[in-house]
Amino acid sequence: MSELLVVDGANVVGSVPDGWWRDRRGAAERLRDRLVTYGERTGAEVILVVEGAARGVESVPGVRVESARGSGDDHIVELVERVGGPCTVVTADRELRRRVEELGARTAGPRTVREDG
């Protein structure tokens, strides 16, 4: 079974001040495309969670995109609960890390999936 990687899109995109705030959807699409390469390299199953202005970003082969109706953090916690097995959540958000670790998920920082990290 491949590793499941759940990526907090808003947090990872926001981890580098590269002008993402001018085009949040475009920034999420660029992250999604980088995650395809990450998944191919590692064999991980990748889920990218987006929210707000990035909602509606399409899934592509290798990366499933889920648009949170409300809070992206709450959506990620619900995803981890549904999975019920081993997974890694990529975020720098301390509160989200605490919440998913209580459910048994591992956590990793944004540099894990950023090509520049």
C-alpha atoms as a PDB file:
ATOM      1  CA  MET A   1       0.000   0.000   0.000  1.00  0.00           C
ATOM      2  CA  SER A   2       1.357   3.437  -0.904  1.00  0.00           C
ATOM      3  CA  GLU A   3       1.771   6.239   1.583  1.00  0.00           C
ATOM      4  CA  LEU A   4      -1.111   8.723   1.724  1.00  0.00           C
ATOM      5  CA  LEU A   5       0.021  12.337   1.743  1.00  0.00           C
ATOM      6  CA  VAL A   6      -2.568  15.014   2.592  1.00  0.00           C
ATOM      7  CA  VAL A   7      -1.365  18.520   1.714  1.00  0.00           C
ATOM      8  CA  ASP A   8      -2.703  21.697   3.347  1.00  0.00           C
ATOM      9  CA  GLY A   9      -2.690  23.729   0.142  1.00  0.00           C
ATOM     10  CA  ALA A  10      -3.197  27.177   1.664  1.00  0.00           C
ATOM     11  CA  ASN A  11      -0.454  26.628   4.215  1.00  0.00           C
ATOM     12  CA  VAL A  12       2.098  25.221   1.776  1.00  0.00           C
ATOM     13  CA  VAL A  13       1.394  27.913  -0.845  1.00  0.00           C
ATOM     14  CA  GLY A  14       1.647  30.590   1.847  1.00  0.00           C
ATOM     15  CA  SER A  15       4.974  29.298   3.143  1.00  0.00           C
ATOM     16  CA  VAL A  16       6.946  31.223   0.501  1.00  0.00           C
ATOM     17  CA  PRO A  17       6.261  34.913  -0.262  1.00  0.00           C
ATOM     18  CA  ASP A  18       6.357  34.544  -4.050  1.00  0.00           C
ATOM     19  CA  GLY A  19       3.310  36.662  -4.928  1.00  0.00           C
ATOM     20  CA  TRP A  20       0.776  33.821  -4.437  1.00  0.00           C
ATOM     21  CA  TRP A  21      -1.737  36.294  -2.978  1.00  0.00           C
ATOM     22  CA  ARG A  22      -2.236  37.883  -6.411  1.00  0.00           C
ATOM     23  CA  ASP A  23      -3.465  34.585  -7.886  1.00  0.00           C
ATOM     24  CA  ARG A  24      -4.401  32.061  -5.228  1.00  0.00           C
ATOM     25  CA  ARG A  25      -5.955  29.625  -7.666  1.00  0.00           C
ATOM     26  CA  GLY A  26      -2.921  29.765  -9.977  1.00  0.00           C
ATOM     27  CA  ALA A  27      -0.620  29.211  -7.006  1.00  0.00           C
ATOM     28  CA  ALA A  28      -2.660  26.149  -5.966  1.00  0.00           C
ATOM     29  CA  GLU A  29      -2.494  24.807  -9.536  1.00  0.00           C
ATOM     30  CA  ARG A  30       1.296  25.225  -9.590  1.00  0.00           C
ATOM     31  CA  LEU A  31       1.541  23.380  -6.253  1.00  0.00           C
ATOM     32  CA  ARG A  32      -0.716  20.618  -7.595  1.00  0.00           C
ATOM     33  CA  ASP A  33       1.539  20.215 -10.616  1.00  0.00           C
ATOM     34  CA  ARG A  34       4.666  19.993  -8.406  1.00  0.00           C
ATOM     35  CA  LEU A  35       2.898  17.393  -6.275  1.00  0.00           C
ATOM     36  CA  VAL A  36       2.475  15.160  -9.348  1.00  0.00           C
ATOM     37  CA  THR A  37       6.269  14.961  -9.578  1.00  0.00           C
ATOM     38  CA  TYR A  38       6.548  14.368  -5.825  1.00  0.00           C
ATOM     39  CA  GLY A  39       4.058  11.498  -6.025  1.00  0.00           C
ATOM     40  CA  GLU A  40       5.834   9.954  -8.995  1.00  0.00           C
ATOM     41  CA  ARG A  41       9.188  10.168  -7.214  1.00  0.00           C
ATOM     42  CA  THR A  42       7.982   8.760  -3.883  1.00  0.00           C
ATOM     43  CA  GLY A  43       5.072   6.523  -4.866  1.00  0.00           C
ATOM     44  CA  ALA A  44       2.785   8.439  -2.487  1.00  0.00           C
ATOM     45  CA  GLU A  45      -0.937   8.844  -3.087  1.00  0.00           C
ATOM     46  CA  VAL A  46      -1.426  12.628  -2.885  1.00  0.00           C
ATOM     47  CA  ILE A  47      -4.509  14.579  -1.827  1.00  0.00           C
ATOM     48  CA  LEU A  48      -4.316  18.382  -2.045  1.00  0.00           C
ATOM     49  CA  VAL A  49      -6.891  20.243   0.050  1.00  0.00           C
ATOM     50  CA  VAL A  50      -7.753  23.739  -1.184  1.00  0.00           C
ATOM     51  CA  GLU A  51     -10.059  26.410   0.198  1.00  0.00           C
ATOM     52  CA  GLY A  52     -11.282  29.927  -0.458  1.00  0.00           C
ATOM     53  CA  ALA A  53     -10.259  31.443  -3.795  1.00  0.00           C
ATOM     54  CA  ALA A  54      -8.424  28.234  -4.730  1.00  0.00           C
ATOM     55  CA  ARG A  55     -11.608  26.129  -4.589  1.00  0.00           C
ATOM     56  CA  GLY A  56     -12.394  24.480  -7.885  1.00  0.00           C
ATOM     57  CA  VAL A  57      -8.828  23.547  -8.810  1.00  0.00           C
ATOM     58  CA  GLU A  58      -9.178  20.312 -10.774  1.00  0.00           C
ATOM     59  CA  SER A  59      -7.654  16.962  -9.926  1.00  0.00           C
ATOM     60  CA  VAL A  60      -5.043  15.584 -12.325  1.00  0.00           C
ATOM     61  CA  PRO A  61      -3.588  12.092 -12.661  1.00  0.00           C
ATOM     62  CA  GLY A  62      -1.447  11.583  -9.568  1.00  0.00           C
ATOM     63  CA  VAL A  63      -3.064  14.274  -7.389  1.00  0.00           C
ATOM     64  CA  ARG A  64      -6.634  14.283  -6.111  1.00  0.00           C
ATOM     65  CA  VAL A  65      -7.787  17.796  -5.250  1.00  0.00           C
ATOM     66  CA  GLU A  66     -10.499  18.265  -2.640  1.00  0.00           C
ATOM     67  CA  SER A  67     -12.151  21.663  -2.208  1.00  0.00           C
ATOM     68  CA  ALA A  68     -13.098  22.416   1.392  1.00  0.00           C
ATOM     69  CA  ARG A  69     -16.586  23.855   1.724  1.00  0.00           C
ATOM     70  CA  GLY A  70     -15.513  25.743   4.818  1.00  0.00           C
ATOM     71  CA  SER A  71     -12.279  25.513   6.764  1.00  0.00           C
ATOM     72  CA  GLY A  72      -9.479  23.660   5.014  1.00  0.00           C
ATOM     73  CA  ASP A  73      -8.164  22.542   8.403  1.00  0.00           C
ATOM     74  CA  ASP A  74     -11.511  20.999   9.365  1.00  0.00           C
ATOM     75  CA  HIS A  75     -11.676  19.240   5.984  1.00  0.00           C
ATOM     76  CA  ILE A  76      -8.186  17.790   6.512  1.00  0.00           C
ATOM     77  CA  VAL A  77      -9.131  16.530   9.988  1.00  0.00           C
ATOM     78  CA  GLU A  78     -12.262  14.896   8.549  1.00  0.00           C
ATOM     79  CA  LEU A  79     -10.167  13.298   5.793  1.00  0.00           C
ATOM     80  CA  VAL A  80      -7.725  11.846   8.330  1.00  0.00           C
ATOM     81  CA  GLU A  81     -10.661  10.495  10.353  1.00  0.00           C
ATOM     82  CA  ARG A  82     -12.164   8.873   7.228  1.00  0.00           C
ATOM     83  CA  VAL A  83      -8.864   7.310   6.165  1.00  0.00           C
ATOM     84  CA  GLY A  84      -8.502   5.658   9.541  1.00  0.00           C
ATOM     85  CA  GLY A  85      -5.030   4.439   8.667  1.00  0.00           C
ATOM     86  CA  PRO A  86      -1.507   5.727   8.284  1.00  0.00           C
ATOM     87  CA  CYS A  87      -1.083   9.037   6.505  1.00  0.00           C
ATOM     88  CA  THR A  88       1.088  12.130   6.577  1.00  0.00           C
ATOM     89  CA  VAL A  89      -0.312  15.662   6.673  1.00  0.00           C
ATOM     90  CA  VAL A  90       1.895  18.392   5.208  1.00  0.00           C
ATOM     91  CA  THR A  91       1.395  21.706   7.011  1.00  0.00           C
ATOM     92  CA  ALA A  92       3.213  24.178   9.232  1.00  0.00           C
ATOM     93  CA  ASP A  93       0.001  25.017  11.110  1.00  0.00           C
ATOM     94  CA  ARG A  94       0.669  23.993  14.725  1.00  0.00           C
ATOM     95  CA  GLU A  95      -2.979  23.611  15.692  1.00  0.00           C
ATOM     96  CA  LEU A  96      -3.735  21.446  12.641  1.00  0.00           C
ATOM     97  CA  ARG A  97      -0.643  19.346  13.369  1.00  0.00           C
ATOM     98  CA  ARG A  98      -1.873  18.782  16.921  1.00  0.00           C
ATOM     99  CA  ARG A  99      -5.373  17.823  15.741  1.00  0.00           C
ATOM    100  CA  VAL A 100      -4.231  15.251  13.162  1.00  0.00           C
ATOM    101  CA  GLU A 101      -1.471  13.820  15.364  1.00  0.00           C
ATOM    102  CA  GLU A 102      -4.151  13.082  17.986  1.00  0.00           C
ATOM    103  CA  LEU A 103      -5.813  10.953  15.280  1.00  0.00           C
ATOM    104  CA  GLY A 104      -2.575   9.068  14.601  1.00  0.00           C
ATOM    105  CA  ALA A 105      -1.370  10.910  11.493  1.00  0.00           C
ATOM    106  CA  ARG A 106       2.247  11.856  10.985  1.00  0.00           C
ATOM    107  CA  THR A 107       3.036  15.457  10.046  1.00  0.00           C
ATOM    108  CA  ALA A 108       5.668  17.112   7.899  1.00  0.00           C
ATOM    109  CA  GLY A 109       6.507  20.704   7.043  1.00  0.00           C
ATOM    110  CA  PRO A 110       5.967  22.428   3.675  1.00  0.00           C
ATOM    111  CA  ARG A 111       9.610  21.929   2.645  1.00  0.00           C
ATOM    112  CA  THR A 112       8.785  18.241   2.286  1.00  0.00           C
ATOM    113  CA  VAL A 113       6.939  18.936  -0.980  1.00  0.00           C
ATOM    114  CA  ARG A 114       8.360  22.253  -2.166  1.00  0.00           C
ATOM    115  CA  GLU A 115      10.846  21.955  -5.008  1.00  0.00           C
ATOM    116  CA  ASP A 116      12.828  24.831  -3.553  1.00  0.00           C
ATOM    117  CA  GLY A 117      13.016  23.232  -0.107  1.00  0.00           C
END
